[in-house]
Amino acid sequence: MPTKVHVTAKINGDEVEFLCEPRQSLLECLRDILNLTGTKEGCNDGNCGACSVLLNGRLVNSCLVLGVEIDGQEVTTVEGLAGARELHPLQQVFLEHAALQCGICTPGFLVAAKALLDRYPHPSEEQIRFWLAGNLCRCTGYDKIVRAVMDAAKKLSQRTGEVHP
């Protein structure tokens, strides 16, 4: 029986501690140990983006990161996007634009879009399409998703009083 490793990390703003096997992916730890099931398992080999999370603000596929690697690190999952009383603007515009169907890919798209908007608050359509290229969807067209991200960028800049180009 493999020895379990003690991991301490900040996940969605909360300090957490858990035990995991050295070979367990971050995706498995989030879903199976920490019961954060918003992050989805799609391909389990880094090709679909359904398991996207932010690791220290950087977009990663959680199926390709070992759980033990997040010791002392900060992780944001789709559960960490919304506030206590309201959805994150990205989540709201995905609903408004019907930019989702079955929901398997949606958490990954939301996290990837957040990473994009954190880095580039006023992205062009080309930047959005490039940034989200690592996320696959088999149900919707990508146009609704791209339009939702463009709308979220406008709404977020209005919140901060910035002028959106």
Protein backbone atom coordinates (compact mmCIF):
# COMPACT_ATOMS: atom_id res chain seq x y z
CA MET A 1 0.00 0.00 0.00
CA PRO A 2 1.48 3.35 -1.04
CA THR A 3 2.37 5.84 1.65
CA LYS A 4 0.12 8.86 1.74
CA VAL A 5 1.55 12.35 1.67
CA HIS A 6 0.27 15.25 3.77
CA VAL A 7 -0.55 18.29 1.63
CA THR A 8 -1.43 21.78 2.83
CA ALA A 9 -2.69 24.29 0.28
CA LYS A 10 -5.02 27.22 -0.19
CA ILE A 11 -7.98 26.18 -2.33
CA ASN A 12 -10.57 28.77 -3.30
CA GLY A 13 -9.26 31.03 -0.56
CA ASP A 14 -9.45 28.43 2.22
CA GLU A 15 -6.51 26.67 3.86
CA VAL A 16 -6.97 22.92 3.43
CA GLU A 17 -5.05 19.84 4.48
CA PHE A 18 -5.44 16.38 3.02
CA LEU A 19 -3.65 13.09 2.53
CA CYS A 20 -3.09 11.71 -0.94
CA GLU A 21 -1.07 9.06 -2.66
CA PRO A 22 2.01 10.39 -4.48
CA ARG A 23 0.59 9.24 -7.83
CA GLN A 24 -2.85 10.88 -7.46
CA SER A 25 -3.59 13.75 -9.80
CA LEU A 26 -4.80 17.09 -8.53
CA LEU A 27 -8.07 16.32 -10.35
CA GLU A 28 -8.53 13.14 -8.30
CA CYS A 29 -7.66 14.97 -5.09
CA LEU A 30 -10.12 17.78 -5.80
CA ARG A 31 -12.99 15.48 -6.72
CA ASP A 32 -12.41 12.38 -4.58
CA ILE A 33 -10.75 13.74 -1.44
CA LEU A 34 -11.92 17.35 -1.18
CA ASN A 35 -15.38 16.82 -2.75
CA LEU A 36 -14.91 19.75 -5.13
CA THR A 37 -16.72 18.12 -8.02
CA GLY A 38 -17.13 21.21 -10.21
CA THR A 39 -13.85 20.41 -11.92
CA LYS A 40 -14.69 17.73 -14.46
CA GLU A 41 -12.79 14.77 -15.81
CA GLY A 42 -12.93 14.68 -19.57
CA CYS A 43 -10.01 13.03 -21.33
CA ASN A 44 -7.67 12.61 -18.32
CA ASP A 45 -4.66 13.27 -20.58
CA GLY A 46 -4.57 17.07 -20.85
CA ASN A 47 -6.31 17.47 -24.20
CA CYS A 48 -9.83 18.67 -23.40
CA GLY A 49 -9.53 21.37 -20.72
CA ALA A 50 -12.54 20.17 -18.71
CA CYS A 51 -10.35 19.95 -15.60
CA SER A 52 -8.80 23.41 -15.90
CA VAL A 53 -7.94 25.17 -12.64
CA LEU A 54 -5.72 28.08 -11.67
CA LEU A 55 -2.53 27.13 -9.86
CA ASN A 56 -0.99 30.27 -8.38
CA GLY A 57 -2.96 32.21 -10.99
CA ARG A 58 -1.69 30.11 -13.89
CA LEU A 59 -4.08 28.01 -15.99
CA VAL A 60 -3.30 24.28 -15.74
CA ASN A 61 -4.99 20.98 -16.49
CA SER A 62 -5.49 19.41 -13.07
CA CYS A 63 -5.28 15.92 -14.59
CA LEU A 64 -1.61 16.62 -15.41
CA VAL A 65 -0.60 17.98 -12.00
CA LEU A 66 0.05 15.67 -9.07
CA GLY A 67 -1.83 16.45 -5.88
CA VAL A 68 1.42 16.51 -3.93
CA GLU A 69 2.70 19.31 -6.18
CA ILE A 70 0.23 21.82 -4.75
CA ASP A 71 1.70 21.67 -1.25
CA GLY A 72 2.10 25.29 -0.17
CA GLN A 73 0.43 26.54 -3.36
CA GLU A 74 -2.85 28.29 -4.18
CA VAL A 75 -5.55 26.70 -6.35
CA THR A 76 -8.75 28.22 -7.71
CA THR A 77 -11.43 25.91 -9.07
CA VAL A 78 -14.74 26.79 -10.68
CA GLU A 79 -16.28 26.72 -7.18
CA GLY A 80 -13.99 29.60 -6.25
CA LEU A 81 -15.27 31.95 -8.95
CA ALA A 82 -18.63 32.90 -7.47
CA GLY A 83 -19.11 35.08 -4.45
CA ALA A 84 -21.25 34.07 -1.50
CA ARG A 85 -24.33 35.82 -2.88
CA GLU A 86 -23.81 36.19 -6.61
CA LEU A 87 -22.33 34.47 -9.62
CA HIS A 88 -19.07 35.64 -11.12
CA PRO A 89 -19.83 37.83 -14.18
CA LEU A 90 -18.45 35.06 -16.41
CA GLN A 91 -20.90 32.56 -14.95
CA GLN A 92 -23.77 35.02 -15.40
CA VAL A 93 -22.98 35.78 -19.04
CA PHE A 94 -22.58 32.08 -19.85
CA LEU A 95 -26.17 31.67 -18.67
CA GLU A 96 -27.39 34.76 -20.51
CA HIS A 97 -25.73 33.74 -23.78
CA ALA A 98 -26.69 30.04 -23.45
CA ALA A 99 -22.97 29.28 -23.77
CA LEU A 100 -23.35 25.82 -22.26
CA GLN A 101 -25.26 22.63 -22.79
CA CYS A 102 -24.28 19.39 -21.09
CA GLY A 103 -21.93 21.14 -18.64
CA ILE A 104 -18.89 18.85 -18.79
CA CYS A 105 -16.68 21.46 -20.47
CA THR A 106 -18.25 24.54 -18.87
CA PRO A 107 -16.14 24.67 -15.67
CA GLY A 108 -12.95 24.47 -17.71
CA PHE A 109 -14.10 27.20 -20.08
CA LEU A 110 -15.06 29.43 -17.15
CA VAL A 111 -11.70 29.00 -15.41
CA ALA A 112 -9.79 29.48 -18.68
CA ALA A 113 -11.82 32.60 -19.47
CA LYS A 114 -11.11 33.98 -16.00
CA ALA A 115 -7.39 33.40 -16.51
CA LEU A 116 -7.63 35.23 -19.84
CA LEU A 117 -9.52 38.21 -18.42
CA ASP A 118 -7.19 38.42 -15.43
CA ARG A 119 -4.28 38.77 -17.83
CA TYR A 120 -5.95 40.63 -20.72
CA PRO A 121 -9.00 42.58 -19.46
CA HIS A 122 -9.91 43.75 -23.00
CA PRO A 123 -9.20 40.77 -25.26
CA SER A 124 -9.94 40.70 -28.95
CA GLU A 125 -12.06 37.91 -30.40
CA GLU A 126 -8.87 36.38 -31.80
CA GLN A 127 -7.22 36.41 -28.36
CA ILE A 128 -10.28 34.77 -26.80
CA ARG A 129 -10.37 32.02 -29.43
CA PHE A 130 -6.62 31.42 -29.05
CA TRP A 131 -6.77 31.39 -25.24
CA LEU A 132 -9.72 28.96 -25.15
CA ALA A 133 -8.27 26.66 -27.83
CA GLY A 134 -7.23 24.16 -25.14
CA ASN A 135 -10.87 23.61 -24.16
CA LEU A 136 -13.04 21.29 -26.20
CA CYS A 137 -16.82 21.24 -26.38
CA ARG A 138 -18.87 18.65 -28.21
CA CYS A 139 -22.31 20.18 -27.61
CA THR A 140 -22.37 23.91 -28.37
CA GLY A 141 -20.75 26.02 -30.98
CA TYR A 142 -17.84 28.04 -29.74
CA ASP A 143 -19.38 31.31 -30.94
CA LYS A 144 -21.72 31.58 -27.95
CA ILE A 145 -18.81 30.99 -25.60
CA VAL A 146 -16.65 33.62 -27.32
CA ARG A 147 -19.51 36.14 -27.26
CA ALA A 148 -20.09 35.44 -23.57
CA VAL A 149 -16.42 36.09 -22.76
CA MET A 150 -16.51 39.33 -24.77
CA ASP A 151 -19.61 40.42 -22.84
CA ALA A 152 -18.00 39.49 -19.51
CA ALA A 153 -14.96 41.61 -20.39
CA LYS A 154 -17.26 44.61 -20.96
CA LYS A 155 -19.19 44.02 -17.73
CA LEU A 156 -16.04 43.56 -15.67
CA SER A 157 -14.52 46.76 -17.02
CA GLN A 158 -17.78 48.64 -16.27
CA ARG A 159 -17.56 47.37 -12.69
CA THR A 160 -14.10 48.85 -12.31
CA GLY A 161 -14.97 52.02 -14.20
CA GLU A 162 -12.56 51.29 -17.05
CA VAL A 163 -13.36 52.21 -20.62
CA HIS A 164 -13.72 49.13 -22.79
CA PRO A 165 -12.27 49.63 -26.29
